[in-house]
Protein backbone atom coordinates (compact mmCIF):
# COMPACT_ATOMS: atom_id res chain seq x y z
CA MET A 1 6.60 170.23 48.96
CA LYS A 2 6.17 166.70 50.29
CA ASP A 3 9.25 165.54 48.40
CA HIS A 4 11.33 168.36 49.92
CA LEU A 5 10.18 167.37 53.41
CA ALA A 6 10.87 163.70 52.69
CA TYR A 7 14.34 164.51 51.38
CA GLY A 8 15.09 166.68 54.41
CA LEU A 9 14.01 163.91 56.78
CA SER A 10 16.12 161.39 54.87
CA VAL A 11 19.17 163.63 55.27
CA LEU A 12 18.50 164.55 58.92
CA LEU A 13 17.92 160.91 59.91
CA HIS A 14 20.57 159.43 57.63
CA PRO A 15 21.99 156.08 58.84
CA LEU A 16 25.48 157.59 59.04
CA LEU A 17 24.21 160.21 61.52
CA VAL A 18 22.22 157.85 63.77
CA PRO A 19 25.32 156.62 65.72
CA THR A 20 26.26 160.19 66.65
CA TYR A 21 22.69 160.92 67.74
CA LEU A 22 22.69 157.79 69.90
CA LEU A 23 25.98 158.70 71.54
CA LEU A 24 24.69 162.20 72.30
CA LEU A 25 21.45 160.75 73.66
CA LEU A 26 23.17 158.18 75.88
CA GLY A 27 25.84 160.53 77.14
CA TYR A 28 23.94 163.75 77.66
CA VAL A 29 20.18 163.16 77.80
CA LEU A 30 18.96 159.78 78.99
CA PRO A 31 19.09 159.02 82.73
CA ILE A 32 20.80 155.63 82.41
CA GLY A 33 24.12 156.26 84.13
CA VAL A 34 26.40 156.69 81.14
CA GLY A 35 29.05 159.29 81.89
CA GLN A 36 29.27 162.32 79.64
CA PRO A 37 31.72 161.45 76.87
CA PRO A 38 34.47 164.02 76.29
CA LEU A 39 33.84 166.31 73.35
CA THR A 40 36.98 164.92 71.71
CA LEU A 41 35.43 161.44 71.79
CA LEU A 42 32.19 162.74 70.29
CA LEU A 43 34.20 164.42 67.54
CA GLN A 44 36.18 161.23 66.86
CA VAL A 45 33.01 159.15 66.60
CA TRP A 46 31.36 161.72 64.33
CA LEU A 47 34.43 161.81 62.09
CA LEU A 48 34.66 158.00 61.98
CA THR A 49 30.99 157.23 61.43
CA PHE A 50 29.79 160.17 59.36
CA VAL A 51 32.52 162.35 57.85
CA LEU A 52 34.95 159.60 56.75
CA PRO A 53 32.41 157.20 55.20
CA GLY A 54 30.46 160.11 53.71
CA LEU A 55 33.60 161.52 52.12
CA LEU A 56 34.70 158.13 50.76
CA ILE A 57 31.27 157.43 49.29
CA TRP A 58 31.23 160.91 47.74
CA LEU A 59 34.65 160.15 46.20
CA LEU A 60 33.28 156.90 44.76
CA ALA A 61 30.54 158.95 43.08
CA ARG A 62 32.98 161.58 41.82
CA LEU A 63 35.23 158.89 40.35
CA GLY A 64 32.30 157.20 38.64
CA PHE A 65 32.27 153.95 40.63
CA ILE A 66 28.71 154.70 41.74
CA THR A 67 26.14 156.87 40.00
CA SER A 68 24.94 158.74 43.09
CA VAL A 69 25.68 159.07 46.81
CA GLU A 70 22.01 158.19 47.36
CA LEU A 71 22.77 154.67 46.05
CA PRO A 72 19.49 154.02 44.25
CA ASP A 73 20.98 150.98 42.47
CA ARG A 74 21.15 147.96 44.79
CA ARG A 75 24.14 146.56 42.89
CA GLN A 76 26.21 149.64 43.72
CA ARG A 77 25.62 149.47 47.47
CA THR A 78 28.10 146.75 48.46
CA VAL A 79 31.31 148.81 48.53
CA PRO A 80 29.75 151.88 50.23
CA LEU A 81 28.18 149.61 52.87
CA LEU A 82 31.53 147.87 53.41
CA ILE A 83 33.11 151.29 53.93
CA ALA A 84 30.42 152.17 56.48
CA ALA A 85 30.86 148.81 58.27
CA ALA A 86 34.64 149.31 58.49
CA CYS A 87 34.16 152.80 59.92
CA PHE A 88 31.59 151.61 62.46
CA ALA A 89 33.92 148.76 63.45
CA ALA A 90 36.72 151.30 64.02
CA ALA A 91 34.37 153.35 66.23
CA THR A 92 33.49 150.17 68.15
CA LEU A 93 37.17 149.50 68.85
CA LEU A 94 37.69 153.13 69.86
CA LEU A 95 34.80 153.06 72.33
CA ALA A 96 35.94 149.72 73.77
CA GLN A 97 39.06 151.55 75.03
CA VAL A 98 37.06 154.23 76.85
CA PRO A 99 35.82 153.49 80.39
CA LEU A 100 32.25 154.73 79.90
CA ALA A 101 29.50 152.62 81.49
CA GLY A 102 31.28 149.35 80.88
CA PRO A 103 30.68 147.75 77.48
CA LEU A 104 27.43 149.58 76.69
CA LEU A 105 28.73 151.99 74.06
CA SER A 106 31.04 149.52 72.33
CA ARG A 107 28.18 146.99 72.31
CA LEU A 108 25.90 149.58 70.73
CA PHE A 109 28.39 150.32 67.96
CA GLY A 110 29.14 146.63 67.56
CA ALA A 111 25.42 146.07 66.94
CA ILE A 112 25.44 148.86 64.35
CA THR A 113 28.40 147.24 62.60
CA LEU A 114 26.66 143.85 62.60
CA SER A 115 23.49 145.44 61.21
CA VAL A 116 25.44 146.95 58.31
CA LEU A 117 27.14 143.62 57.56
CA LEU A 118 23.75 141.87 57.49
CA THR A 119 22.43 144.67 55.28
CA ILE A 120 25.25 143.94 52.84
CA LEU A 121 24.35 140.24 52.69
CA ILE A 122 20.69 141.00 52.08
CA THR A 123 21.53 143.68 49.51
CA LEU A 124 23.34 141.13 47.36
CA SER A 125 19.91 139.86 46.30
CA TRP A 126 17.33 142.39 47.57
CA LYS A 127 17.24 146.13 48.29
CA ILE A 128 16.56 146.57 52.01
CA SER A 129 16.21 150.08 53.48
CA ALA A 130 19.42 151.18 55.23
CA HIS A 131 17.51 154.15 56.68
CA GLY A 132 15.07 151.64 58.15
CA VAL A 133 17.91 149.56 59.59
CA GLY A 134 19.41 152.63 61.28
CA MET A 135 16.17 153.82 62.84
CA GLY A 136 15.14 150.29 63.79
CA GLY A 137 18.42 149.91 65.67
CA ALA A 138 17.82 153.14 67.54
CA VAL A 139 14.33 152.00 68.57
CA GLY A 140 15.66 148.58 69.60
CA PHE A 141 18.30 150.02 71.90
CA LEU A 142 15.80 152.44 73.38
CA ALA A 143 13.53 149.48 74.15
CA LEU A 144 16.36 147.89 76.13
CA LEU A 145 17.54 151.04 77.88
CA LEU A 146 14.12 152.48 78.75
CA PRO A 147 11.71 149.58 79.10
CA LEU A 148 8.13 150.52 79.86
CA PRO A 149 7.15 151.02 82.61
CA SER A 150 10.45 152.74 83.39
CA PRO A 151 11.93 154.26 86.55
CA ALA A 152 12.43 157.36 84.41
CA GLY A 153 8.65 157.77 84.41
CA PRO A 154 7.01 160.13 81.90
CA ALA A 155 10.39 161.03 80.41
CA ALA A 156 10.77 157.46 79.15
CA LEU A 157 7.39 157.61 77.45
CA GLY A 158 8.37 160.90 75.84
CA TRP A 159 11.54 159.40 74.39
CA TRP A 160 9.59 156.38 73.18
CA LEU A 161 7.19 158.67 71.33
CA ILE A 162 10.07 160.62 69.78
CA ALA A 163 11.79 157.41 68.63
CA LEU A 164 8.63 155.94 67.16
CA LEU A 165 7.77 159.22 65.42
CA ALA A 166 11.31 159.37 63.97
CA ALA A 167 11.01 155.79 62.71
CA ALA A 168 7.61 156.55 61.18
CA ALA A 169 9.00 159.73 59.61
CA VAL A 170 11.86 157.80 58.02
CA ALA A 171 9.48 155.15 56.71
CA TRP A 172 7.19 157.82 55.23
CA ALA A 173 10.12 159.71 53.69
CA ARG A 174 11.62 156.67 52.00
CA LEU A 175 8.23 155.70 50.58
CA GLN A 176 7.42 159.27 49.53
CA LEU A 177 10.70 159.48 47.61
CA ARG A 178 9.99 156.06 46.08
CA ALA A 179 13.42 154.93 47.28
CA HIS A 180 11.93 151.73 48.71
CA THR A 181 8.83 149.60 48.80
CA PRO A 182 6.86 149.15 52.03
CA ALA A 183 8.36 145.66 52.41
CA GLN A 184 11.91 147.01 52.09
CA VAL A 185 11.29 149.69 54.71
CA ALA A 186 9.57 147.26 57.09
CA ALA A 187 12.39 144.74 56.67
CA GLY A 188 14.96 147.43 57.44
CA LEU A 189 13.16 148.50 60.61
CA ALA A 190 12.78 144.86 61.70
CA LEU A 191 16.42 144.02 61.03
CA GLY A 192 17.75 147.03 62.92
CA THR A 193 15.45 146.45 65.89
CA GLY A 194 16.15 142.72 65.99
CA VAL A 195 19.94 143.08 65.94
CA ALA A 196 19.90 145.81 68.59
CA VAL A 197 17.73 143.75 70.92
CA ALA A 198 19.70 140.53 70.32
CA VAL A 199 23.09 142.16 70.91
CA GLY A 200 21.77 144.14 73.88
CA LEU A 201 20.49 140.99 75.60
CA MET A 202 23.84 139.17 75.25
């Protein structure tokens, strides 16, 4: 039962889905002045950052270049991560052309792209948690957008609790599935948070 829950959380909070969640959150939920992105833009971002890389990674598995889409073998992660980085970079360029709250959205996706590139470098010698990187990035951007205390009041605290619970859920799930060690999960969360904060403060 615990493994089923852990697997479900790993799928629901997959790193390829986090960018779409963030765009939905920034455009439709958080009171930070980002205009509502058109549904066509949401669809384009979802296709670029989830469907396209997911399909290409699935094809790699079908063709035998990788043993599983879950990428348990560190040595097989480089090409799938490069695919993800290229797709996130394309989404960054797309968002840079859209006049939504200045450079905020393109900066967010640029930070995601940078996080994936750093994940690739680390993965060449050590298996860091990509799930951790994704959730860490989400928490890092939330820290910048809704600092505490926040003018948004109790709503900000609520979103903080949701983000921290999601990060904890991802950490638990990856450990429960024995996909990573505690150090690998912690490093992923730290990397994602650090890159998000660094890029956001630029």
